[in-house]
Amino acid sequence: MKSRGATKVESMDIRLAIFDLDGTLIGAPKDFHQIKEELKKRLLDMGIPKETIGDLTPMYENLFRIAEETNRKPEELQKILEDLEEERVDESFLFDGSREFLEFLKEEGIKIALMTRSCRRAATKALNMHGIKKYFDFILTRSDVAKDEVKPNEMHVKRVLEHFKIPPTKAIVIGDHGYDIVPAKRAGTLSLLITSHESGRMSFKIEEKPTFEVPTMKEALSLFRRLLKTYVVVPAYNEERTLGEVLSSLKLYFKPEHIVVVNDGSVDRTREIARKSGVHVLTHIVNRGLGGALGTGIIYALKKGAEIIITFDADGQHLVGDALRVMKPVAEGKADFAVGSRLKGDIKEMPFIKRFGNLILDGITAFFARMYVSDSQSGLRCFNRECASKIRITCDRYAVSSEIIIEVASRGCRIEEVPIKAVYTDYAAKKGTNVLEGVKIALNLLFDKMR
């Protein structure tokens, strides 16, 4: 347990966690397919024709259709479903790790909300029965919103955001079903999918890609511990034209004090712009090159206790959404190092000379690394703490991109490539490696290996 007054180490700027209930926090022996069959039986007993009842997918919305087709009151049919949901709660159980996760979020000062398709009667009973109601700052059940606002409609999420007055990029929806991920994506929040909680999951599937996914609530807690100790290293040399916009995009998801701009001897307004953005700024008195800047930033992040370190170019080549995708396998514990591959993603904006140069450098890098990475020169990377601690950066300039791949490969780090979009403005196209730099990189690597 964290003592009062202890310093919190947070990086991803998550201020609100919005939980689903069934299949996420709690489960029960009776699944929702059985609930659906029991509901069908009770509707048949009321004299409602089988063809009118249909498949009942999803149950709640179809009750309104049945009520309209049979001239019955929706409340009459809803009560049957509510009774079944409440009966199910009697046999429910709390998933391992649920209470610990909620306690962790409370300790970190993160607001906690519940967003459920269950009725308020059943949800309240479940929360009280398992002693977790005290953790929630706000509870929004299907009974509390209009029928066309219940998730997967994004208004269910937006009502929660409106209550806390928190921007969507500062919130994460945690659920076990596509009906949780769809509204999260539409509302613009982060999302976390729990994949192995079968007890309590809805009776049908909706495929939707979340921001992050883990098997259980126990792994979700480990994931959050890593997320809240994430640092972003931004090497910058004379980037006054683009740096402000780049930092604004990063601050949508990351705390400013954990975005580290390494001002590499700039002679323009780079340092001033970074300071005004509220991020942490490290300055080299003289220009040491990309490798020197990355080395300074990574060492600083490690000393500050970073569990995840992202490197992000200052010239506008990267999208913050791609940064989230690149950090995904590392945050989930599936990789030690991930690199954003422009050549595996959308490359229509990438100049041909850049593509050709990258292919040559990829081949040279592969020769020394003894493995092939499709975009060895990408500046969008993610390390876990262990991998970042192992690597040794000796190349001060652009050769560092190849050196990092060689280092992580030789140190046995698990590597994953993630497709990203190549963003090239006229300004960005002039930056980075060229033919001359490519020759220098090859020579630097050769001389380094001959030492």
Protein backbone atom coordinates (compact mmCIF):
# COMPACT_ATOMS: atom_id res chain seq x y z
CA MET A 1 0.00 0.00 0.00
CA LYS A 2 1.22 3.47 -0.81
CA SER A 3 1.72 5.72 2.18
CA ARG A 4 -0.04 9.04 2.38
CA GLY A 5 1.87 11.84 0.82
CA ALA A 6 3.97 9.47 -1.29
CA THR A 7 5.11 10.86 -4.62
CA LYS A 8 3.06 9.52 -7.51
CA VAL A 9 4.89 8.57 -10.68
CA GLU A 10 2.47 9.16 -13.52
CA SER A 11 3.09 9.72 -17.18
CA MET A 12 0.19 8.81 -19.42
CA ASP A 13 -2.27 11.50 -18.50
CA ILE A 14 -5.14 9.18 -17.51
CA ARG A 15 -7.53 11.00 -15.19
CA LEU A 16 -10.62 8.82 -15.53
CA ALA A 17 -11.17 5.05 -15.78
CA ILE A 18 -14.62 4.00 -17.02
CA PHE A 19 -15.42 0.37 -16.23
CA ASP A 20 -17.89 -2.07 -17.66
CA LEU A 21 -19.39 -4.37 -15.00
CA ASP A 22 -20.37 -7.85 -16.26
CA GLY A 23 -17.47 -9.74 -17.79
CA THR A 24 -15.00 -7.10 -16.67
CA LEU A 25 -15.23 -6.74 -12.89
CA ILE A 26 -17.65 -9.57 -12.10
CA GLY A 27 -18.77 -12.85 -13.59
CA ALA A 28 -21.42 -15.50 -12.84
CA PRO A 29 -21.97 -19.20 -13.60
CA LYS A 30 -25.09 -18.31 -15.60
CA ASP A 31 -23.99 -16.62 -18.83
CA PHE A 32 -26.02 -14.17 -20.89
CA HIS A 33 -26.92 -16.82 -23.46
CA GLN A 34 -28.80 -18.61 -20.67
CA ILE A 35 -30.40 -15.31 -19.62
CA LYS A 36 -31.50 -14.78 -23.20
CA GLU A 37 -33.07 -18.27 -23.41
CA GLU A 38 -34.89 -17.73 -20.11
CA LEU A 39 -36.16 -14.35 -21.33
CA LYS A 40 -37.43 -15.97 -24.54
CA LYS A 41 -39.27 -18.59 -22.47
CA ARG A 42 -40.96 -16.01 -20.27
CA LEU A 43 -41.99 -13.95 -23.30
CA LEU A 44 -43.46 -17.09 -24.91
CA ASP A 45 -45.36 -17.80 -21.66
CA MET A 46 -46.88 -14.33 -22.00
CA GLY A 47 -48.30 -15.36 -25.35
CA ILE A 48 -45.84 -13.46 -27.54
CA PRO A 49 -45.25 -15.40 -30.80
CA LYS A 50 -41.85 -16.99 -31.35
CA GLU A 51 -41.40 -15.20 -34.68
CA THR A 52 -42.03 -11.86 -32.98
CA ILE A 53 -39.47 -12.60 -30.26
CA GLY A 54 -36.79 -13.49 -32.80
CA ASP A 55 -33.17 -13.94 -31.76
CA LEU A 56 -33.27 -11.21 -29.08
CA THR A 57 -29.82 -9.92 -30.01
CA PRO A 58 -29.30 -7.60 -28.28
CA MET A 59 -31.90 -8.24 -25.58
CA TYR A 60 -32.58 -4.74 -24.22
CA GLU A 61 -33.13 -3.00 -27.56
CA ASN A 62 -35.30 -5.83 -28.90
CA LEU A 63 -37.70 -5.52 -25.98
CA PHE A 64 -38.72 -2.08 -27.26
CA ARG A 65 -39.35 -3.52 -30.72
CA ILE A 66 -41.43 -6.37 -29.28
CA ALA A 67 -43.41 -3.97 -27.10
CA GLU A 68 -44.25 -1.85 -30.13
CA GLU A 69 -45.23 -4.85 -32.28
CA THR A 70 -47.46 -6.33 -29.55
CA ASN A 71 -48.91 -3.08 -28.17
CA ARG A 72 -47.42 -3.76 -24.74
CA LYS A 73 -45.73 -1.34 -22.37
CA PRO A 74 -41.94 -1.46 -22.65
CA GLU A 75 -41.68 -1.28 -18.86
CA GLU A 76 -43.60 -4.56 -18.56
CA LEU A 77 -41.08 -6.43 -20.71
CA GLN A 78 -38.07 -4.63 -19.22
CA LYS A 79 -39.05 -5.75 -15.73
CA ILE A 80 -38.71 -9.38 -16.82
CA LEU A 81 -35.13 -8.74 -17.98
CA GLU A 82 -34.34 -6.75 -14.85
CA ASP A 83 -35.60 -9.58 -12.63
CA LEU A 84 -33.40 -12.06 -14.51
CA GLU A 85 -30.38 -9.78 -14.19
CA GLU A 86 -30.94 -9.34 -10.46
CA GLU A 87 -31.35 -13.10 -9.94
CA ARG A 88 -28.07 -13.65 -11.77
CA VAL A 89 -26.24 -11.31 -9.38
CA ASP A 90 -26.98 -13.70 -6.48
CA GLU A 91 -24.48 -16.18 -7.94
CA SER A 92 -21.97 -13.62 -9.19
CA PHE A 93 -18.32 -13.38 -8.14
CA LEU A 94 -15.59 -10.76 -8.33
CA PHE A 95 -12.80 -11.54 -10.80
CA ASP A 96 -9.32 -11.92 -9.31
CA GLY A 97 -7.52 -8.61 -9.39
CA SER A 98 -10.63 -6.41 -9.68
CA ARG A 99 -10.47 -5.02 -6.14
CA GLU A 100 -6.70 -4.53 -6.29
CA PHE A 101 -7.03 -2.63 -9.59
CA LEU A 102 -9.73 -0.34 -8.19
CA GLU A 103 -7.66 0.31 -5.06
CA PHE A 104 -4.62 1.15 -7.18
CA LEU A 105 -6.58 3.68 -9.24
CA LYS A 106 -7.93 5.32 -6.09
CA GLU A 107 -4.43 5.60 -4.65
CA GLU A 108 -3.24 7.22 -7.87
CA GLY A 109 -6.03 9.82 -7.67
CA ILE A 110 -7.70 8.61 -10.89
CA LYS A 111 -11.49 9.06 -11.01
CA ILE A 112 -13.47 5.85 -11.44
CA ALA A 113 -16.83 5.48 -13.18
CA LEU A 114 -19.11 2.57 -14.06
CA MET A 115 -20.85 2.39 -17.44
CA THR A 116 -23.04 -0.67 -17.75
CA ARG A 117 -25.84 -2.08 -19.88
CA SER A 118 -27.23 -3.68 -16.73
CA CYS A 119 -30.22 -2.09 -15.02
CA ARG A 120 -29.58 0.05 -11.95
CA ARG A 121 -31.20 -2.50 -9.61
CA ALA A 122 -28.85 -5.31 -10.66
CA ALA A 123 -25.76 -3.10 -10.87
CA THR A 124 -26.29 -1.60 -7.41
CA LYS A 125 -26.94 -5.02 -5.92
CA ALA A 126 -23.72 -6.40 -7.46
CA LEU A 127 -21.59 -3.46 -6.31
CA ASN A 128 -22.91 -3.68 -2.75
CA MET A 129 -22.71 -7.46 -2.63
CA HIS A 130 -19.02 -7.44 -3.60
CA GLY A 131 -18.14 -4.37 -1.55
CA ILE A 132 -16.81 -2.28 -4.44
CA LYS A 133 -19.43 0.48 -4.73
CA LYS A 134 -17.23 2.77 -2.59
CA TYR A 135 -14.60 2.92 -5.34
CA PHE A 136 -16.88 4.54 -7.90
CA ASP A 137 -17.24 8.29 -8.22
CA PHE A 138 -20.07 7.97 -10.74
CA ILE A 139 -22.37 5.14 -11.87
CA LEU A 140 -24.30 5.28 -15.15
CA THR A 141 -26.49 2.27 -15.90
CA ARG A 142 -28.79 1.74 -18.85
CA SER A 143 -31.65 2.85 -16.58
CA ASP A 144 -30.10 6.32 -16.39
CA VAL A 145 -29.88 7.16 -20.08
CA ALA A 146 -32.27 7.23 -23.03
CA LYS A 147 -32.69 3.88 -24.78
CA ASP A 148 -30.83 5.12 -27.87
CA GLU A 149 -27.88 6.32 -25.73
CA VAL A 150 -27.02 2.94 -24.18
CA LYS A 151 -23.64 1.58 -25.30
CA PRO A 152 -22.53 0.81 -27.97
CA ASN A 153 -23.83 4.33 -28.56
CA GLU A 154 -21.02 6.73 -27.69
CA MET A 155 -23.39 8.96 -25.72
CA HIS A 156 -23.12 6.50 -22.84
CA VAL A 157 -19.41 7.35 -22.65
CA LYS A 158 -19.93 11.04 -23.36
CA ARG A 159 -22.38 11.39 -20.46
CA VAL A 160 -19.66 10.12 -18.13
CA LEU A 161 -17.10 12.52 -19.62
CA GLU A 162 -19.55 15.41 -19.28
CA HIS A 163 -20.10 14.59 -15.62
CA PHE A 164 -16.39 14.86 -14.82
CA LYS A 165 -15.65 17.57 -17.42
CA ILE A 166 -12.64 15.51 -18.54
CA PRO A 167 -11.39 15.50 -22.18
CA PRO A 168 -11.79 12.12 -23.91
CA THR A 169 -8.03 11.67 -24.43
CA LYS A 170 -7.58 11.73 -20.64
CA ALA A 171 -10.00 8.82 -20.10
CA ILE A 172 -9.86 5.07 -20.70
CA VAL A 173 -12.78 2.65 -21.08
CA ILE A 174 -12.13 -0.81 -19.62
CA GLY A 175 -14.36 -3.63 -20.80
CA ASP A 176 -14.55 -7.16 -22.14
CA HIS A 177 -16.63 -6.68 -25.28
CA GLY A 178 -16.81 -4.77 -28.55
CA TYR A 179 -19.81 -2.93 -27.07
CA ASP A 180 -17.30 -1.26 -24.71
CA ILE A 181 -14.62 -0.57 -27.32
CA VAL A 182 -16.92 0.82 -30.07
CA PRO A 183 -18.29 3.75 -27.99
CA ALA A 184 -14.83 4.43 -26.56
CA LYS A 185 -13.39 4.79 -30.04
CA ARG A 186 -16.28 6.96 -31.23
CA ALA A 187 -16.02 9.19 -28.17
CA GLY A 188 -12.24 9.50 -28.58
CA THR A 189 -11.10 7.81 -25.36
CA LEU A 190 -8.43 5.19 -24.83
CA SER A 191 -9.66 1.63 -24.38
CA LEU A 192 -8.55 -1.56 -22.65
CA LEU A 193 -10.05 -4.93 -23.56
CA ILE A 194 -10.06 -7.83 -21.07
CA THR A 195 -9.94 -10.88 -23.31
CA SER A 196 -10.28 -14.02 -21.17
CA HIS A 197 -13.19 -13.29 -18.82
CA GLU A 198 -15.79 -15.60 -20.33
CA SER A 199 -18.11 -15.61 -17.30
CA GLY A 200 -20.31 -12.57 -17.70
CA ARG A 201 -19.53 -11.81 -21.32
CA MET A 202 -22.43 -10.91 -23.61
CA SER A 203 -23.96 -13.67 -25.72
CA PHE A 204 -22.56 -12.37 -29.03
CA LYS A 205 -19.25 -10.92 -30.23
CA ILE A 206 -18.31 -7.62 -31.85
CA GLU A 207 -14.77 -7.35 -33.22
CA GLU A 208 -13.18 -3.97 -32.51
CA LYS A 209 -9.51 -3.14 -31.91
CA PRO A 210 -8.79 -1.54 -28.51
CA THR A 211 -5.86 0.69 -27.60
CA PHE A 212 -4.57 -2.04 -25.27
CA GLU A 213 -5.63 -5.59 -24.40
CA VAL A 214 -4.72 -8.08 -21.68
CA PRO A 215 -6.20 -11.43 -20.60
CA THR A 216 -7.31 -10.61 -17.04
CA MET A 217 -7.74 -7.86 -14.45
CA LYS A 218 -4.47 -8.93 -12.84
CA GLU A 219 -2.62 -8.20 -16.08
CA ALA A 220 -4.60 -4.97 -16.41
CA LEU A 221 -3.11 -3.76 -13.14
CA SER A 222 0.41 -4.58 -14.35
CA LEU A 223 -0.32 -2.78 -17.63
CA PHE A 224 -1.46 0.34 -15.78
CA ARG A 225 1.63 0.38 -13.61
CA ARG A 226 3.70 0.49 -16.80
CA LEU A 227 1.49 3.08 -18.49
CA LEU A 228 1.77 5.44 -15.56
CA LYS A 229 5.58 5.28 -15.76
CA THR A 230 5.94 6.13 -19.44
CA TYR A 231 8.37 8.76 -20.69
CA VAL A 232 8.55 10.29 -24.18
CA VAL A 233 11.98 11.40 -25.41
CA VAL A 234 11.93 14.06 -28.16
CA PRO A 235 15.37 14.89 -29.65
CA ALA A 236 15.26 18.39 -31.16
CA TYR A 237 17.78 20.42 -33.14
CA ASN A 238 16.51 23.73 -34.57
CA GLU A 239 12.88 22.53 -34.69
CA GLU A 240 11.07 25.81 -33.90
CA ARG A 241 8.78 25.36 -36.93
CA THR A 242 7.27 22.06 -35.82
CA LEU A 243 8.06 21.47 -32.15
CA GLY A 244 5.08 23.32 -30.67
CA GLU A 245 2.55 21.31 -32.65
CA VAL A 246 4.36 18.04 -31.94
CA LEU A 247 4.33 18.70 -28.19
CA SER A 248 0.66 19.71 -28.26
CA SER A 249 -0.22 16.37 -29.83
CA LEU A 250 1.84 14.44 -27.27
CA LYS A 251 0.25 16.32 -24.36
CA LEU A 252 -3.14 14.95 -25.41
CA TYR A 253 -2.09 11.63 -23.87
CA PHE A 254 1.09 12.17 -21.85
CA LYS A 255 1.86 14.33 -18.85
CA PRO A 256 4.02 17.34 -19.85
CA GLU A 257 6.59 16.69 -17.13
CA HIS A 258 7.25 13.24 -18.59
CA ILE A 259 7.76 14.49 -22.12
CA VAL A 260 11.51 15.08 -22.33
CA VAL A 261 12.75 17.42 -25.05
CA VAL A 262 16.51 17.14 -25.56
CA ASN A 263 17.47 20.50 -27.03
CA ASP A 264 20.59 19.48 -28.92
CA GLY A 265 22.49 22.79 -29.14
CA SER A 266 19.75 24.57 -31.10
CA VAL A 267 20.37 28.16 -32.15
CA ASP A 268 16.72 28.99 -32.85
CA ARG A 269 13.69 29.12 -30.49
CA THR A 270 13.53 25.34 -29.88
CA ARG A 271 14.41 25.62 -26.18
CA GLU A 272 12.00 28.51 -25.60
CA ILE A 273 9.09 26.74 -27.31
CA ALA A 274 9.71 23.55 -25.33
CA ARG A 275 9.81 25.43 -22.02
CA LYS A 276 6.60 27.32 -22.81
CA SER A 277 4.91 23.97 -23.52
CA GLY A 278 5.56 22.93 -19.93
CA VAL A 279 7.57 19.83 -20.84
CA HIS A 280 10.89 18.89 -19.29
CA VAL A 281 13.84 20.30 -21.24
CA LEU A 282 17.42 19.02 -21.27
CA THR A 283 19.93 21.13 -23.20
CA HIS A 284 23.22 20.29 -24.85
CA ILE A 285 25.45 23.36 -25.04
CA VAL A 286 26.79 22.14 -28.38
CA ASN A 287 25.13 20.01 -31.04
CA ARG A 288 25.95 16.35 -30.39
CA GLY A 289 23.68 14.83 -33.01
CA LEU A 290 20.67 12.51 -32.91
CA GLY A 291 22.54 9.74 -31.10
CA GLY A 292 23.80 12.07 -28.40
CA ALA A 293 20.32 13.52 -27.87
CA LEU A 294 18.65 10.10 -27.67
CA GLY A 295 21.30 8.84 -25.27
CA THR A 296 20.78 11.82 -22.94
CA GLY A 297 16.99 11.45 -23.00
CA ILE A 298 16.95 7.69 -22.44
CA ILE A 299 19.43 7.89 -19.54
CA TYR A 300 17.35 10.66 -17.93
CA ALA A 301 14.12 8.66 -18.25
CA LEU A 302 15.73 5.57 -16.73
CA LYS A 303 17.03 7.58 -13.78
CA LYS A 304 13.50 8.88 -13.23
CA GLY A 305 12.12 5.34 -12.99
CA ALA A 306 10.60 4.96 -16.45
CA GLU A 307 9.09 1.55 -17.22
CA ILE A 308 8.35 2.47 -20.84
CA ILE A 309 10.36 4.88 -23.01
CA ILE A 310 9.07 6.20 -26.35
CA THR A 311 11.27 8.11 -28.79
CA PHE A 312 9.40 10.59 -31.00
CA ASP A 313 10.81 12.87 -33.69
CA ALA A 314 10.35 16.64 -33.36
CA ASP A 315 9.88 17.39 -37.06
CA GLY A 316 6.23 16.32 -37.38
CA GLN A 317 6.91 12.96 -39.07
CA HIS A 318 4.98 10.96 -36.48
CA LEU A 319 1.34 10.81 -35.40
CA VAL A 320 0.57 10.49 -31.70
CA GLY A 321 -1.95 7.76 -32.55
CA ASP A 322 0.91 5.77 -34.06
CA ALA A 323 2.91 6.29 -30.84
CA LEU A 324 0.09 4.57 -28.94
CA ARG A 325 0.14 1.69 -31.42
CA VAL A 326 3.92 1.30 -31.17
CA MET A 327 3.84 1.26 -27.37
CA LYS A 328 0.97 -1.28 -27.29
CA PRO A 329 3.01 -4.54 -27.51
CA VAL A 330 5.58 -3.21 -25.01
CA ALA A 331 2.95 -1.99 -22.54
CA GLU A 332 1.15 -5.33 -22.79
CA GLY A 333 4.39 -7.22 -22.07
CA LYS A 334 4.46 -8.93 -25.48
CA ALA A 335 7.67 -7.21 -26.64
CA ASP A 336 10.70 -5.52 -25.10
CA PHE A 337 11.23 -3.18 -28.03
CA ALA A 338 8.87 -2.01 -30.77
CA VAL A 339 9.63 0.11 -33.80
CA GLY A 340 7.18 1.94 -36.02
CA SER A 341 7.61 0.75 -39.60
CA ARG A 342 6.66 3.25 -42.28
CA LEU A 343 7.43 0.65 -44.93
CA LYS A 344 4.80 -1.69 -43.48
CA GLY A 345 2.23 1.09 -43.26
CA ASP A 346 0.95 3.89 -45.50
CA ILE A 347 3.99 5.10 -47.50
CA LYS A 348 2.31 7.18 -50.21
CA GLU A 349 3.69 10.41 -48.67
CA MET A 350 7.21 9.00 -48.32
CA PRO A 351 9.56 10.29 -51.06
CA PHE A 352 11.05 7.58 -53.28
CA ILE A 353 14.61 8.57 -52.41
CA LYS A 354 13.78 8.12 -48.71
CA ARG A 355 12.31 4.68 -49.36
CA PHE A 356 15.29 3.63 -51.46
CA GLY A 357 17.77 4.95 -48.90
CA ASN A 358 15.95 3.18 -46.08
CA LEU A 359 16.04 -0.13 -47.93
CA ILE A 360 19.82 0.13 -48.34
CA LEU A 361 20.29 1.05 -44.67
CA ASP A 362 17.92 -1.74 -43.62
CA GLY A 363 20.14 -4.22 -45.44
CA ILE A 364 23.32 -2.83 -43.83
CA THR A 365 21.67 -2.87 -40.40
CA ALA A 366 20.43 -6.43 -40.91
CA PHE A 367 23.97 -7.57 -41.76
CA PHE A 368 25.28 -6.36 -38.38
CA ALA A 369 22.14 -7.14 -36.34
CA ARG A 370 21.74 -10.63 -37.86
CA MET A 371 18.03 -9.91 -38.26
CA TYR A 372 15.97 -7.81 -40.66
CA VAL A 373 13.85 -4.87 -39.53
CA SER A 374 11.84 -3.24 -42.32
CA ASP A 375 12.35 0.35 -41.13
CA SER A 376 15.57 0.49 -39.15
CA GLN A 377 15.75 4.30 -39.52
CA SER A 378 12.36 5.00 -37.94
CA GLY A 379 12.49 7.52 -35.11
CA LEU A 380 9.32 6.16 -33.48
CA ARG A 381 10.40 3.46 -31.06
CA CYS A 382 9.38 2.06 -27.71
CA PHE A 383 11.52 0.26 -25.09
CA ASN A 384 10.65 -1.38 -21.83
CA ARG A 385 12.94 -0.54 -18.92
CA GLU A 386 14.97 -3.74 -19.08
CA CYS A 387 15.73 -3.41 -22.77
CA ALA A 388 16.56 0.31 -22.57
CA SER A 389 18.92 -0.40 -19.67
CA LYS A 390 20.85 -2.97 -21.72
CA ILE A 391 21.61 -0.94 -24.82
CA ARG A 392 24.82 1.05 -25.30
CA ILE A 393 24.63 4.12 -27.56
CA THR A 394 28.03 5.15 -28.93
CA CYS A 395 27.05 6.75 -32.27
CA ASP A 396 26.35 10.44 -31.88
CA ARG A 397 24.65 11.04 -35.19
CA TYR A 398 22.19 9.30 -37.54
CA ALA A 399 23.98 5.95 -37.30
CA VAL A 400 22.29 5.65 -33.92
CA SER A 401 19.07 4.37 -35.57
CA SER A 402 20.92 1.34 -36.94
CA GLU A 403 22.94 1.02 -33.76
CA ILE A 404 19.79 0.77 -31.64
CA ILE A 405 18.45 -2.10 -33.79
CA ILE A 406 21.81 -3.88 -33.57
CA GLU A 407 21.96 -3.36 -29.81
CA VAL A 408 18.44 -4.56 -28.99
CA ALA A 409 18.91 -7.60 -31.24
CA SER A 410 22.28 -8.53 -29.74
CA ARG A 411 20.96 -8.07 -26.18
CA GLY A 412 18.15 -10.57 -26.78
CA CYS A 413 15.28 -8.07 -26.56
CA ARG A 414 12.02 -9.27 -28.07
CA ILE A 415 11.40 -7.04 -31.11
CA GLU A 416 8.12 -6.21 -32.80
CA GLU A 417 7.44 -4.03 -35.83
CA VAL A 418 4.25 -1.96 -35.91
CA PRO A 419 2.94 -0.41 -39.16
CA ILE A 420 2.73 3.40 -39.00
CA LYS A 421 1.91 6.17 -41.46
CA ALA A 422 4.75 8.03 -43.15
CA VAL A 423 4.03 11.76 -42.72
CA TYR A 424 6.19 13.97 -44.93
CA THR A 425 5.67 17.70 -45.28
CA ASP A 426 8.12 19.64 -47.47
CA TYR A 427 9.94 20.50 -44.25
CA ALA A 428 10.11 16.93 -42.93
CA ALA A 429 11.21 15.57 -46.30
CA LYS A 430 14.43 17.61 -46.06
CA LYS A 431 15.26 16.15 -42.63
CA GLY A 432 16.84 12.83 -41.70
CA THR A 433 19.16 10.63 -43.69
CA ASN A 434 20.29 11.19 -47.27
CA VAL A 435 22.77 9.38 -49.52
CA LEU A 436 25.78 11.01 -47.87
CA GLU A 437 24.44 10.24 -44.41
CA GLY A 438 23.81 6.66 -45.54
CA VAL A 439 27.47 6.25 -46.52
CA LYS A 440 28.54 7.73 -43.16
CA ILE A 441 26.23 5.36 -41.30
CA ALA A 442 27.62 2.34 -43.12
CA LEU A 443 31.21 3.43 -42.41
CA ASN A 444 30.46 4.21 -38.75
CA LEU A 445 28.94 0.78 -38.23
CA LEU A 446 31.83 -0.92 -39.99
CA PHE A 447 34.49 0.92 -37.96
CA ASP A 448 32.57 0.28 -34.74
CA LYS A 449 32.47 -3.46 -35.41
CA MET A 450 36.18 -3.53 -36.29
CA ARG A 451 37.18 -2.01 -32.94
